Amino acid sequence: MVDKKKSTIKDVAALADVSIGVVSRVLNPGTGSVSERTRQRIIAAMQTLSYTPQSAARELKTNLNNTIGFSGGRHQ
């Protein structure tokens, strides 16, 4: 069994030769301007690395999640 390492935002930034902050701005539209040329370079790097943002990491960073709790206990 081969353990394949998931790509991170740091990997994308390194391949696109930009900072992590610039990659973050591409992933979160409306948080800052990025030139179209740089945006395309980052998108190409994400595709090359098969990068997908990790929702758990985003939840930890933003302190937000899309989870709804449910208790299935009996009521008396």
C-alpha atoms as a PDB file:
ATOM      1  CA  MET A   1       0.000   0.000   0.000  1.00  0.00           C
ATOM      2  CA  VAL A   2       1.397   3.378  -1.021  1.00  0.00           C
ATOM      3  CA  ASP A   3       0.810   6.332   1.308  1.00  0.00           C
ATOM      4  CA  LYS A   4       0.280   9.284  -1.018  1.00  0.00           C
ATOM      5  CA  LYS A   5       0.906  12.684   0.597  1.00  0.00           C
ATOM      6  CA  LYS A   6      -1.873  15.214   0.098  1.00  0.00           C
ATOM      7  CA  SER A   7      -0.777  18.512  -1.382  1.00  0.00           C
ATOM      8  CA  THR A   8      -0.963  21.561   0.851  1.00  0.00           C
ATOM      9  CA  ILE A   9      -1.389  25.269   0.236  1.00  0.00           C
ATOM     10  CA  LYS A  10       2.382  25.547   0.840  1.00  0.00           C
ATOM     11  CA  ASP A  11       3.025  23.111  -2.027  1.00  0.00           C
ATOM     12  CA  VAL A  12       0.788  25.140  -4.346  1.00  0.00           C
ATOM     13  CA  ALA A  13       2.504  28.390  -3.346  1.00  0.00           C
ATOM     14  CA  ALA A  14       5.950  26.908  -3.937  1.00  0.00           C
ATOM     15  CA  LEU A  15       5.046  25.532  -7.370  1.00  0.00           C
ATOM     16  CA  ALA A  16       3.375  28.792  -8.445  1.00  0.00           C
ATOM     17  CA  ASP A  17       6.253  30.821  -6.942  1.00  0.00           C
ATOM     18  CA  VAL A  18       3.954  32.982  -4.814  1.00  0.00           C
ATOM     19  CA  SER A  19       3.286  33.401  -1.109  1.00  0.00           C
ATOM     20  CA  ILE A  20       0.725  31.355   0.812  1.00  0.00           C
ATOM     21  CA  GLY A  21      -1.279  34.555   1.258  1.00  0.00           C
ATOM     22  CA  VAL A  22      -1.664  35.004  -2.495  1.00  0.00           C
ATOM     23  CA  VAL A  23      -2.890  31.403  -2.870  1.00  0.00           C
ATOM     24  CA  SER A  24      -5.328  32.067  -0.032  1.00  0.00           C
ATOM     25  CA  ARG A  25      -6.700  35.128  -1.838  1.00  0.00           C
ATOM     26  CA  VAL A  26      -7.352  33.004  -4.937  1.00  0.00           C
ATOM     27  CA  LEU A  27      -9.103  30.358  -2.825  1.00  0.00           C
ATOM     28  CA  ASN A  28     -11.188  32.981  -0.989  1.00  0.00           C
ATOM     29  CA  PRO A  29     -12.477  35.478  -3.568  1.00  0.00           C
ATOM     30  CA  GLY A  30     -13.153  38.951  -2.281  1.00  0.00           C
ATOM     31  CA  THR A  31     -10.286  38.917   0.224  1.00  0.00           C
ATOM     32  CA  GLY A  32      -7.825  40.833  -1.941  1.00  0.00           C
ATOM     33  CA  SER A  33      -6.759  41.435  -5.496  1.00  0.00           C
ATOM     34  CA  VAL A  34      -4.654  39.022  -7.534  1.00  0.00           C
ATOM     35  CA  SER A  35      -3.627  39.602 -11.134  1.00  0.00           C
ATOM     36  CA  GLU A  36      -5.238  37.315 -13.691  1.00  0.00           C
ATOM     37  CA  ARG A  37      -1.822  36.022 -14.750  1.00  0.00           C
ATOM     38  CA  THR A  38      -0.952  35.030 -11.168  1.00  0.00           C
ATOM     39  CA  ARG A  39      -4.422  33.545 -10.619  1.00  0.00           C
ATOM     40  CA  GLN A  40      -3.977  31.329 -13.684  1.00  0.00           C
ATOM     41  CA  ARG A  41      -0.512  30.241 -12.475  1.00  0.00           C
ATOM     42  CA  ILE A  42      -1.968  29.240  -9.103  1.00  0.00           C
ATOM     43  CA  ILE A  43      -4.880  27.379 -10.691  1.00  0.00           C
ATOM     44  CA  ALA A  44      -2.434  25.491 -12.926  1.00  0.00           C
ATOM     45  CA  ALA A  45      -0.331  24.570  -9.862  1.00  0.00           C
ATOM     46  CA  MET A  46      -3.451  23.337  -8.030  1.00  0.00           C
ATOM     47  CA  GLN A  47      -4.385  21.175 -11.007  1.00  0.00           C
ATOM     48  CA  THR A  48      -0.842  19.808 -11.353  1.00  0.00           C
ATOM     49  CA  LEU A  49      -0.801  18.844  -7.672  1.00  0.00           C
ATOM     50  CA  SER A  50      -4.452  17.676  -7.601  1.00  0.00           C
ATOM     51  CA  TYR A  51      -4.891  20.093  -4.708  1.00  0.00           C
ATOM     52  CA  THR A  52      -8.230  20.316  -2.936  1.00  0.00           C
ATOM     53  CA  PRO A  53      -8.737  22.622   0.050  1.00  0.00           C
ATOM     54  CA  GLN A  54      -9.120  20.749   3.332  1.00  0.00           C
ATOM     55  CA  SER A  55     -12.382  21.709   5.014  1.00  0.00           C
ATOM     56  CA  ALA A  56     -11.102  20.653   8.457  1.00  0.00           C
ATOM     57  CA  ALA A  57      -8.138  23.014   8.170  1.00  0.00           C
ATOM     58  CA  ARG A  58     -10.423  25.839   7.074  1.00  0.00           C
ATOM     59  CA  GLU A  59     -12.744  25.187  10.028  1.00  0.00           C
ATOM     60  CA  LEU A  60      -9.843  25.365  12.462  1.00  0.00           C
ATOM     61  CA  LYS A  61      -8.539  28.595  10.952  1.00  0.00           C
ATOM     62  CA  THR A  62     -11.893  30.371  10.709  1.00  0.00           C
ATOM     63  CA  ASN A  63     -13.488  28.785  13.799  1.00  0.00           C
ATOM     64  CA  LEU A  64     -16.562  28.051  11.655  1.00  0.00           C
ATOM     65  CA  ASN A  65     -18.012  24.771  10.455  1.00  0.00           C
ATOM     66  CA  ASN A  66     -21.099  23.497   8.688  1.00  0.00           C
ATOM     67  CA  THR A  67     -21.930  20.783  11.198  1.00  0.00           C
ATOM     68  CA  ILE A  68     -25.330  20.355  12.810  1.00  0.00           C
ATOM     69  CA  GLY A  69     -25.543  18.406  16.041  1.00  0.00           C
ATOM     70  CA  PHE A  70     -28.212  15.785  16.643  1.00  0.00           C
ATOM     71  CA  SER A  71     -28.993  13.799  19.757  1.00  0.00           C
ATOM     72  CA  GLY A  72     -30.933  10.601  19.222  1.00  0.00           C
ATOM     73  CA  GLY A  73     -31.523   9.836  22.892  1.00  0.00           C
ATOM     74  CA  ARG A  74     -34.886   8.822  24.323  1.00  0.00           C
ATOM     75  CA  HIS A  75     -37.034  11.489  25.891  1.00  0.00           C
ATOM     76  CA  GLN A  76     -39.024  10.573  28.993  1.00  0.00           C
END
